[in-house]
Amino acid sequence: MILIKKDYEIDRMRKAGRILAETLLVVEENVRPGITTSELDRIAEEFITKQGAKPSFKGLYGFPSSLCISVNEQVVHGIPGAYKLKEGDIISVDCGVLLNGFHGDAARTFPVGEVSLEAQRLIDVTKDCFFEGIKFAHVGNRLTDISHEIQKYVEASAFSVVRDYVGHGIGRSVHEEPNVPNFGRAGKGPKLVEGMVLAIEPMVNVGTHKVRTLKDGWTVVTRDGKLSAHYENTVAILPDGPEILTLIK
């Protein structure tokens, strides 16, 4: 069942989303060669808790950290640890914030120092395809109108969209119905109505869309070892169009 949010609930999610957007900016400021992924996780958790909020991911389904940090060929759900970032890496940071009973969820991919032209183009296309998709996040459209536009933009850029992992509804729980794929034919799925809140999160690979999970049971990597990027925001469907709740304007 898709849970429709009332105005006051969206306002609470707006506040959680603001803290989340600020957290990702703080993380970005600290991304540099030599810092460990566990240090970035600590910085994010400290910032979130100082705002009176909680990290949504810590303990969720048993996940051990506040951030999912995925480097280079890692797609999603990377566990922060002792790895030191290197010049030329790309790092995907997925973060959730819980405030006043409601969650926000967002992800960004950052370059570490100077990166290859291909890596930077991947980061840019992954972000841009999100914004192409939400042009169709309007009341009366179908859910996969968003999905189709994301896939079309990515494949026109000669990259591929991950199919095994998708976006989702969000609210009092991190993961709610409906699933929000980043691929598929337009005109399918539920009709978009006022009060739906979706975490829309394209994951884009340089090579094949196929992925596998490492022995830690969490970290998802590209099957061919090529780079992957991730971009996500929490989006409310409103009468005047979509509102991105996890982006500082």
Protein backbone atom coordinates (compact mmCIF):
# COMPACT_ATOMS: atom_id res chain seq x y z
CA MET A 1 0.00 0.00 0.00
CA ILE A 2 1.30 3.43 -0.95
CA LEU A 3 1.14 5.78 2.04
CA ILE A 4 0.05 9.29 1.06
CA LYS A 5 1.58 12.03 3.20
CA LYS A 6 -0.36 14.92 4.70
CA ASP A 7 1.01 18.47 4.53
CA TYR A 8 2.36 18.38 8.09
CA GLU A 9 4.12 15.07 7.38
CA ILE A 10 5.78 16.47 4.27
CA ASP A 11 6.86 19.47 6.34
CA ARG A 12 8.55 17.12 8.82
CA MET A 13 10.24 15.35 5.92
CA ARG A 14 11.35 18.73 4.59
CA LYS A 15 13.16 19.38 7.90
CA ALA A 16 14.80 15.95 7.87
CA GLY A 17 15.76 16.51 4.25
CA ARG A 18 17.43 19.80 5.04
CA ILE A 19 19.66 18.18 7.67
CA LEU A 20 20.47 15.43 5.19
CA ALA A 21 21.42 17.88 2.45
CA GLU A 22 23.66 19.73 4.89
CA THR A 23 25.25 16.44 5.97
CA LEU A 24 26.18 15.56 2.41
CA LEU A 25 27.75 18.99 1.95
CA VAL A 26 29.83 18.43 5.09
CA VAL A 27 30.93 15.04 3.78
CA GLU A 28 31.83 16.55 0.40
CA GLU A 29 33.99 19.17 2.12
CA ASN A 30 35.97 16.37 3.76
CA VAL A 31 36.43 14.13 0.71
CA ARG A 32 40.14 14.18 -0.10
CA PRO A 33 43.01 11.79 -0.75
CA GLY A 34 44.16 10.10 2.46
CA ILE A 35 40.96 10.25 4.49
CA THR A 36 39.40 6.90 5.38
CA THR A 37 35.81 6.03 4.65
CA SER A 38 35.26 5.34 8.36
CA GLU A 39 36.38 8.90 9.16
CA LEU A 40 33.78 10.26 6.74
CA ASP A 41 31.16 8.08 8.42
CA ARG A 42 32.12 9.45 11.84
CA ILE A 43 31.96 13.05 10.59
CA ALA A 44 28.48 12.49 9.14
CA GLU A 45 27.12 10.78 12.26
CA GLU A 46 28.43 13.52 14.54
CA PHE A 47 26.87 16.21 12.34
CA ILE A 48 23.50 14.47 12.18
CA THR A 49 23.27 13.91 15.93
CA LYS A 50 24.27 17.51 16.67
CA GLN A 51 21.18 18.59 14.71
CA GLY A 52 18.99 16.51 17.02
CA ALA A 53 18.41 13.85 14.37
CA LYS A 54 19.47 10.22 13.95
CA PRO A 55 21.17 8.35 11.10
CA SER A 56 18.49 6.25 9.40
CA PHE A 57 20.82 3.52 8.16
CA LYS A 58 22.69 2.59 11.34
CA GLY A 59 21.23 -0.73 12.42
CA LEU A 60 18.74 -0.83 9.53
CA TYR A 61 18.49 -4.52 8.58
CA GLY A 62 21.71 -4.89 10.59
CA PHE A 63 23.78 -2.37 8.61
CA PRO A 64 26.70 -1.29 10.84
CA SER A 65 27.27 2.34 9.81
CA SER A 66 25.58 5.70 9.31
CA LEU A 67 26.65 6.06 5.69
CA CYS A 68 26.82 3.64 2.80
CA ILE A 69 30.12 4.52 1.11
CA SER A 70 30.85 2.87 -2.23
CA VAL A 71 34.15 3.52 -4.03
CA ASN A 72 34.85 3.15 -7.75
CA GLU A 73 33.29 -0.15 -8.96
CA GLN A 74 31.19 -0.42 -5.81
CA VAL A 75 27.57 0.42 -6.67
CA VAL A 76 25.75 0.63 -3.32
CA HIS A 77 25.83 -0.52 0.32
CA GLY A 78 29.58 -0.23 0.80
CA ILE A 79 30.58 -0.43 4.49
CA PRO A 80 32.88 2.37 5.74
CA GLY A 81 36.23 1.10 6.97
CA ALA A 82 40.00 1.56 6.83
CA TYR A 83 40.19 2.24 3.08
CA LYS A 84 42.02 5.52 2.38
CA LEU A 85 40.70 7.49 -0.55
CA LYS A 86 43.15 7.97 -3.40
CA GLU A 87 43.51 10.67 -6.04
CA GLY A 88 41.31 9.69 -8.98
CA ASP A 89 38.80 7.63 -6.98
CA ILE A 90 35.09 8.34 -7.12
CA ILE A 91 33.04 7.87 -3.96
CA SER A 92 29.29 7.37 -3.71
CA VAL A 93 27.81 8.43 -0.37
CA ASP A 94 24.28 7.32 0.53
CA CYS A 95 22.79 8.80 3.70
CA GLY A 96 19.52 8.71 5.61
CA VAL A 97 18.27 11.02 8.37
CA LEU A 98 15.44 10.42 10.85
CA LEU A 99 13.84 13.47 12.49
CA ASN A 100 10.49 13.68 14.30
CA GLY A 101 9.45 10.25 13.09
CA PHE A 102 10.17 10.77 9.37
CA HIS A 103 13.10 9.85 7.14
CA GLY A 104 14.97 11.48 4.31
CA ASP A 105 17.22 9.56 1.92
CA ALA A 106 19.76 10.94 -0.56
CA ALA A 107 23.02 10.03 -2.28
CA ARG A 108 25.79 11.80 -4.15
CA THR A 109 28.92 10.70 -6.02
CA PHE A 110 32.02 12.83 -5.48
CA PRO A 111 35.37 12.92 -7.28
CA VAL A 112 38.48 12.52 -5.14
CA GLY A 113 40.91 15.13 -6.43
CA GLU A 114 41.41 15.00 -10.20
CA VAL A 115 39.52 12.17 -11.87
CA SER A 116 39.44 10.83 -15.42
CA LEU A 117 37.21 12.43 -18.02
CA GLU A 118 35.15 9.23 -18.13
CA ALA A 119 34.68 9.25 -14.35
CA GLN A 120 33.56 12.88 -14.33
CA ARG A 121 31.16 12.28 -17.21
CA LEU A 122 29.69 9.32 -15.31
CA ILE A 123 29.14 11.49 -12.23
CA ASP A 124 27.53 14.21 -14.35
CA VAL A 125 25.26 11.87 -16.33
CA THR A 126 24.09 10.13 -13.14
CA LYS A 127 23.07 13.45 -11.62
CA ASP A 128 21.57 14.80 -14.83
CA CYS A 129 19.42 11.72 -15.47
CA PHE A 130 17.75 12.22 -12.09
CA PHE A 131 16.67 15.71 -13.13
CA GLU A 132 15.52 14.43 -16.52
CA GLY A 133 13.38 11.87 -14.71
CA ILE A 134 11.70 14.25 -12.29
CA LYS A 135 10.50 16.43 -15.15
CA PHE A 136 7.81 13.74 -15.30
CA ALA A 137 7.15 13.57 -11.53
CA HIS A 138 3.81 15.35 -11.85
CA VAL A 139 0.34 14.55 -10.59
CA GLY A 140 -1.49 12.41 -13.16
CA ASN A 141 1.59 10.86 -14.75
CA ARG A 142 2.56 7.23 -14.23
CA LEU A 143 5.47 6.14 -12.07
CA THR A 144 7.45 4.62 -14.93
CA ASP A 145 7.27 7.86 -16.89
CA ILE A 146 10.09 8.87 -14.51
CA SER A 147 11.85 5.51 -14.92
CA HIS A 148 11.75 5.61 -18.71
CA GLU A 149 13.28 9.08 -18.95
CA ILE A 150 16.13 8.12 -16.63
CA GLN A 151 16.95 5.03 -18.69
CA LYS A 152 16.65 6.89 -21.99
CA TYR A 153 19.07 9.63 -20.88
CA VAL A 154 21.62 7.19 -19.45
CA GLU A 155 21.66 4.90 -22.47
CA ALA A 156 21.89 7.86 -24.86
CA SER A 157 25.08 8.70 -22.95
CA ALA A 158 26.43 5.16 -23.61
CA PHE A 159 26.20 4.07 -19.96
CA SER A 160 23.91 1.49 -18.34
CA VAL A 161 21.31 1.60 -15.58
CA VAL A 162 21.46 -0.87 -12.69
CA ARG A 163 18.33 -3.02 -12.64
CA ASP A 164 18.79 -5.09 -9.48
CA TYR A 165 18.36 -2.08 -7.16
CA VAL A 166 15.67 0.58 -7.39
CA GLY A 167 14.26 3.60 -5.59
CA HIS A 168 11.31 3.45 -3.22
CA GLY A 169 8.63 5.25 -1.31
CA ILE A 170 9.72 6.82 1.98
CA GLY A 171 8.15 8.33 5.10
CA ARG A 172 7.88 6.89 8.60
CA SER A 173 9.92 3.97 7.23
CA VAL A 174 13.02 4.27 5.07
CA HIS A 175 11.59 1.83 2.55
CA GLU A 176 7.93 2.01 1.64
CA GLU A 177 5.91 1.14 -1.44
CA PRO A 178 6.16 1.69 -4.33
CA ASN A 179 9.42 0.49 -5.87
CA VAL A 180 10.79 3.14 -8.24
CA PRO A 181 12.82 1.51 -11.04
CA ASN A 182 15.28 3.53 -13.10
CA PHE A 183 14.33 1.70 -16.29
CA GLY A 184 11.28 0.44 -18.15
CA ARG A 185 8.50 1.45 -20.49
CA ALA A 186 6.60 4.67 -19.84
CA GLY A 187 2.96 4.63 -18.79
CA LYS A 188 3.18 1.79 -16.26
CA GLY A 189 2.83 1.55 -12.51
CA PRO A 190 0.69 3.62 -10.14
CA LYS A 191 -0.59 7.03 -11.08
CA LEU A 192 1.27 9.84 -9.32
CA VAL A 193 -0.94 11.66 -6.82
CA GLU A 194 -0.45 14.58 -4.46
CA GLY A 195 1.24 13.49 -1.24
CA MET A 196 3.34 10.65 -2.62
CA VAL A 197 6.97 10.88 -1.50
CA LEU A 198 9.59 8.95 -3.46
CA ALA A 199 13.30 8.30 -3.08
CA ILE A 200 14.42 8.42 -6.71
CA GLU A 201 17.95 7.05 -7.09
CA PRO A 202 19.56 6.20 -10.40
CA MET A 203 22.64 3.96 -10.16
CA VAL A 204 24.64 4.14 -13.39
CA ASN A 205 27.52 1.99 -14.62
CA VAL A 206 30.19 2.62 -17.23
CA GLY A 207 29.93 -0.96 -18.51
CA THR A 208 27.37 -3.70 -17.97
CA HIS A 209 24.31 -3.09 -15.80
CA LYS A 210 24.94 -6.45 -14.10
CA VAL A 211 26.13 -6.48 -10.49
CA ARG A 212 27.13 -8.92 -7.76
CA THR A 213 27.34 -8.81 -3.96
CA LEU A 214 30.65 -9.32 -2.13
CA LYS A 215 31.17 -11.87 0.64
CA ASP A 216 30.43 -9.25 3.33
CA GLY A 217 26.78 -9.63 2.29
CA TRP A 218 26.37 -5.90 1.73
CA THR A 219 28.72 -4.36 -0.82
CA VAL A 220 27.35 -4.47 -4.36
CA VAL A 221 29.89 -4.12 -7.20
CA THR A 222 29.72 -4.01 -10.99
CA ARG A 223 30.09 -7.45 -12.56
CA ASP A 224 32.80 -6.19 -14.93
CA GLY A 225 34.73 -4.10 -12.38
CA LYS A 226 34.03 -0.82 -14.17
CA LEU A 227 33.00 2.40 -12.40
CA SER A 228 29.54 3.09 -10.96
CA ALA A 229 27.88 6.29 -9.69
CA HIS A 230 24.77 7.02 -7.61
CA TYR A 231 22.56 10.08 -7.25
CA GLU A 232 19.41 10.24 -5.11
CA ASN A 233 16.94 12.66 -3.60
CA THR A 234 13.70 12.42 -1.65
CA VAL A 235 10.97 13.96 -3.81
CA ALA A 236 7.43 14.99 -2.82
CA ILE A 237 4.71 14.97 -5.48
CA LEU A 238 2.80 18.25 -5.03
CA PRO A 239 0.09 20.07 -7.04
CA ASP A 240 2.57 22.57 -8.50
CA GLY A 241 5.13 19.90 -9.39
CA PRO A 242 7.81 17.88 -7.61
CA GLU A 243 9.66 19.29 -4.61
CA ILE A 244 13.13 17.94 -3.84
CA LEU A 245 13.26 17.69 -0.05
CA THR A 246 16.98 16.80 0.21
CA LEU A 247 18.55 19.56 -1.84
CA ILE A 248 19.54 23.00 -0.57
CA LYS A 249 18.36 25.50 -3.13
